[in-house]
């Protein structure tokens, strides 16, 4: 068990319900993220293709519309 000493309330550090993530299949690879009005905000790339990780349009934080 870890003790956190903070002036920030625990419910702001650990929200009661984590945001719902979504997986999008992209030709055998996957993009994981949170759906927003701008599309899927990418948080993770799951792929065996190294080019997917080097492509800036699939970088974490980018929006994907597909």
N, C-alpha and C. Protein backbone atom coordinates (compact mmCIF):
# COMPACT_ATOMS: atom_id res chain seq x y z
N UNK A 1 0.84 -1.18 0.00
CA UNK A 1 0.00 0.00 0.00
C UNK A 1 0.89 1.24 0.00
N UNK A 2 0.54 2.19 -0.84
CA UNK A 2 1.30 3.43 -0.96
C UNK A 2 0.53 4.56 -0.30
N UNK A 3 1.21 5.40 0.45
CA UNK A 3 0.60 6.56 1.08
C UNK A 3 1.01 7.78 0.28
N UNK A 4 0.02 8.60 -0.08
CA UNK A 4 0.28 9.82 -0.83
C UNK A 4 -0.05 11.01 0.07
N UNK A 5 0.94 11.87 0.30
CA UNK A 5 0.75 13.09 1.08
C UNK A 5 0.55 14.23 0.10
N UNK A 6 -0.66 14.78 0.06
CA UNK A 6 -0.96 15.82 -0.90
C UNK A 6 -2.03 16.75 -0.36
N UNK A 7 -2.01 18.00 -0.83
CA UNK A 7 -3.06 18.94 -0.46
C UNK A 7 -4.24 18.83 -1.42
N UNK A 8 -4.07 18.07 -2.50
CA UNK A 8 -5.13 17.86 -3.49
C UNK A 8 -6.05 16.75 -2.98
N UNK A 9 -7.36 16.95 -3.04
CA UNK A 9 -8.29 15.91 -2.59
C UNK A 9 -8.10 14.61 -3.38
N UNK A 10 -8.29 13.49 -2.69
CA UNK A 10 -8.08 12.17 -3.30
C UNK A 10 -8.97 11.94 -4.50
N UNK A 11 -10.20 12.49 -4.51
CA UNK A 11 -11.09 12.27 -5.66
C UNK A 11 -10.62 13.01 -6.91
N UNK A 12 -9.73 13.99 -6.78
CA UNK A 12 -9.15 14.63 -7.96
C UNK A 12 -7.95 13.84 -8.48
N UNK A 13 -7.24 13.19 -7.59
CA UNK A 13 -6.10 12.37 -8.00
C UNK A 13 -6.58 11.04 -8.59
N UNK A 14 -7.55 10.44 -7.92
CA UNK A 14 -8.11 9.15 -8.34
C UNK A 14 -9.59 9.32 -8.62
N UNK A 15 -9.97 9.66 -9.84
CA UNK A 15 -11.40 9.85 -10.13
C UNK A 15 -12.18 8.56 -9.86
N UNK A 16 -13.43 8.71 -9.46
CA UNK A 16 -14.28 7.56 -9.12
C UNK A 16 -14.45 6.62 -10.30
N UNK A 17 -14.61 7.17 -11.48
CA UNK A 17 -14.81 6.34 -12.67
C UNK A 17 -13.80 6.76 -13.74
N UNK A 18 -12.89 5.87 -14.13
CA UNK A 18 -11.94 6.23 -15.18
C UNK A 18 -12.65 6.42 -16.51
N UNK A 19 -12.11 7.24 -17.39
CA UNK A 19 -12.76 7.44 -18.70
C UNK A 19 -12.81 6.14 -19.49
N UNK A 20 -13.86 5.97 -20.28
CA UNK A 20 -14.03 4.78 -21.10
C UNK A 20 -13.09 4.85 -22.30
N UNK A 21 -12.28 3.82 -22.46
CA UNK A 21 -11.38 3.76 -23.61
C UNK A 21 -12.02 2.94 -24.72
N UNK A 22 -11.54 3.15 -25.92
CA UNK A 22 -12.08 2.50 -27.09
C UNK A 22 -10.92 2.00 -27.95
N UNK A 23 -11.08 0.85 -28.58
CA UNK A 23 -10.09 0.31 -29.50
C UNK A 23 -10.60 0.45 -30.93
N UNK A 24 -9.74 0.91 -31.82
CA UNK A 24 -10.08 1.02 -33.24
C UNK A 24 -9.11 0.13 -34.01
N UNK A 25 -9.66 -0.80 -34.80
CA UNK A 25 -8.84 -1.70 -35.61
C UNK A 25 -8.40 -0.95 -36.87
N UNK A 26 -7.11 -0.97 -37.12
CA UNK A 26 -6.54 -0.27 -38.27
C UNK A 26 -5.63 -1.23 -39.02
N UNK A 27 -6.21 -2.05 -39.90
CA UNK A 27 -5.46 -3.03 -40.70
C UNK A 27 -4.61 -3.97 -39.84
N UNK A 28 -5.20 -4.53 -38.80
CA UNK A 28 -4.48 -5.48 -37.96
C UNK A 28 -3.75 -4.84 -36.78
N UNK A 29 -3.65 -3.54 -36.75
CA UNK A 29 -3.09 -2.80 -35.62
C UNK A 29 -4.25 -2.13 -34.90
N UNK A 30 -3.99 -1.66 -33.70
CA UNK A 30 -5.06 -1.03 -32.93
C UNK A 30 -4.61 0.32 -32.39
N UNK A 31 -5.56 1.25 -32.34
CA UNK A 31 -5.37 2.53 -31.66
C UNK A 31 -6.30 2.52 -30.47
N UNK A 32 -5.78 2.86 -29.31
CA UNK A 32 -6.61 2.93 -28.10
C UNK A 32 -6.70 4.39 -27.69
N UNK A 33 -7.89 4.81 -27.29
CA UNK A 33 -8.05 6.19 -26.87
C UNK A 33 -9.42 6.47 -26.32
N UNK A 34 -9.68 7.73 -26.11
CA UNK A 34 -10.94 8.21 -25.56
C UNK A 34 -11.67 8.98 -26.65
N UNK A 35 -12.93 8.66 -26.86
CA UNK A 35 -13.74 9.32 -27.89
C UNK A 35 -14.11 10.72 -27.43
N UNK A 36 -13.91 11.70 -28.32
CA UNK A 36 -14.28 13.08 -28.03
C UNK A 36 -14.97 13.65 -29.27
N UNK A 37 -15.35 14.91 -29.22
CA UNK A 37 -16.02 15.53 -30.37
C UNK A 37 -15.10 15.64 -31.58
N UNK A 38 -13.79 15.63 -31.36
CA UNK A 38 -12.82 15.73 -32.45
C UNK A 38 -12.43 14.37 -33.01
N UNK A 39 -12.99 13.30 -32.48
CA UNK A 39 -12.62 11.94 -32.91
C UNK A 39 -12.05 11.18 -31.74
N UNK A 40 -11.21 10.21 -32.04
CA UNK A 40 -10.58 9.41 -31.00
C UNK A 40 -9.27 10.06 -30.59
N UNK A 41 -9.15 10.46 -29.33
CA UNK A 41 -7.89 11.01 -28.84
C UNK A 41 -7.01 9.83 -28.47
N UNK A 42 -5.94 9.63 -29.23
CA UNK A 42 -5.09 8.45 -29.10
C UNK A 42 -4.29 8.49 -27.81
N UNK A 43 -4.32 7.37 -27.09
CA UNK A 43 -3.49 7.25 -25.90
C UNK A 43 -2.46 6.14 -26.05
N UNK A 44 -2.72 5.20 -26.99
CA UNK A 44 -1.79 4.08 -27.14
C UNK A 44 -1.93 3.46 -28.53
N UNK A 45 -0.81 2.99 -29.06
CA UNK A 45 -0.77 2.25 -30.32
C UNK A 45 -0.39 0.81 -29.98
N UNK A 46 -1.14 -0.14 -30.53
CA UNK A 46 -0.85 -1.56 -30.33
C UNK A 46 -0.61 -2.15 -31.71
N UNK A 47 0.65 -2.48 -32.01
CA UNK A 47 0.99 -2.95 -33.35
C UNK A 47 2.32 -3.70 -33.33
N UNK A 48 2.47 -4.58 -34.31
CA UNK A 48 3.77 -5.24 -34.52
C UNK A 48 4.54 -4.55 -35.64
N UNK A 49 3.94 -3.53 -36.25
CA UNK A 49 4.56 -2.79 -37.34
C UNK A 49 5.28 -1.56 -36.78
N UNK A 50 6.62 -1.51 -36.83
CA UNK A 50 7.36 -0.36 -36.29
C UNK A 50 6.99 0.96 -36.95
N UNK A 51 6.53 0.93 -38.19
CA UNK A 51 6.17 2.16 -38.89
C UNK A 51 4.98 2.86 -38.23
N UNK A 52 4.10 2.10 -37.60
CA UNK A 52 2.95 2.70 -36.91
C UNK A 52 3.43 3.63 -35.78
N UNK A 53 4.46 3.23 -35.08
CA UNK A 53 4.97 4.03 -33.96
C UNK A 53 5.72 5.27 -34.44
N UNK A 54 6.23 5.22 -35.65
CA UNK A 54 6.98 6.35 -36.20
C UNK A 54 6.09 7.35 -36.93
N UNK A 55 4.86 6.97 -37.24
CA UNK A 55 3.94 7.84 -37.96
C UNK A 55 3.34 8.85 -36.98
N UNK A 56 3.59 10.13 -37.23
CA UNK A 56 3.15 11.20 -36.31
C UNK A 56 1.64 11.29 -36.17
N UNK A 57 0.89 10.87 -37.18
CA UNK A 57 -0.57 10.99 -37.08
C UNK A 57 -1.16 9.98 -36.11
N UNK A 58 -0.38 8.98 -35.68
CA UNK A 58 -0.85 8.01 -34.68
C UNK A 58 -0.18 8.22 -33.32
N UNK A 59 0.47 9.35 -33.13
CA UNK A 59 1.16 9.64 -31.88
C UNK A 59 0.14 9.89 -30.76
N UNK A 60 0.46 9.50 -29.54
CA UNK A 60 -0.43 9.79 -28.41
C UNK A 60 -0.74 11.27 -28.31
N UNK A 61 -2.02 11.58 -28.10
CA UNK A 61 -2.48 12.97 -28.02
C UNK A 61 -3.11 13.44 -29.31
N UNK A 62 -2.82 12.78 -30.42
CA UNK A 62 -3.40 13.15 -31.71
C UNK A 62 -4.85 12.68 -31.78
N UNK A 63 -5.65 13.35 -32.59
CA UNK A 63 -7.03 12.92 -32.83
C UNK A 63 -7.08 12.10 -34.10
N UNK A 64 -7.82 11.01 -34.05
CA UNK A 64 -7.97 10.12 -35.21
C UNK A 64 -9.44 10.06 -35.57
N UNK A 65 -9.74 10.35 -36.83
CA UNK A 65 -11.10 10.21 -37.34
C UNK A 65 -11.10 9.08 -38.34
N UNK A 66 -11.85 8.05 -38.03
CA UNK A 66 -11.83 6.93 -38.96
C UNK A 66 -13.00 6.02 -38.86
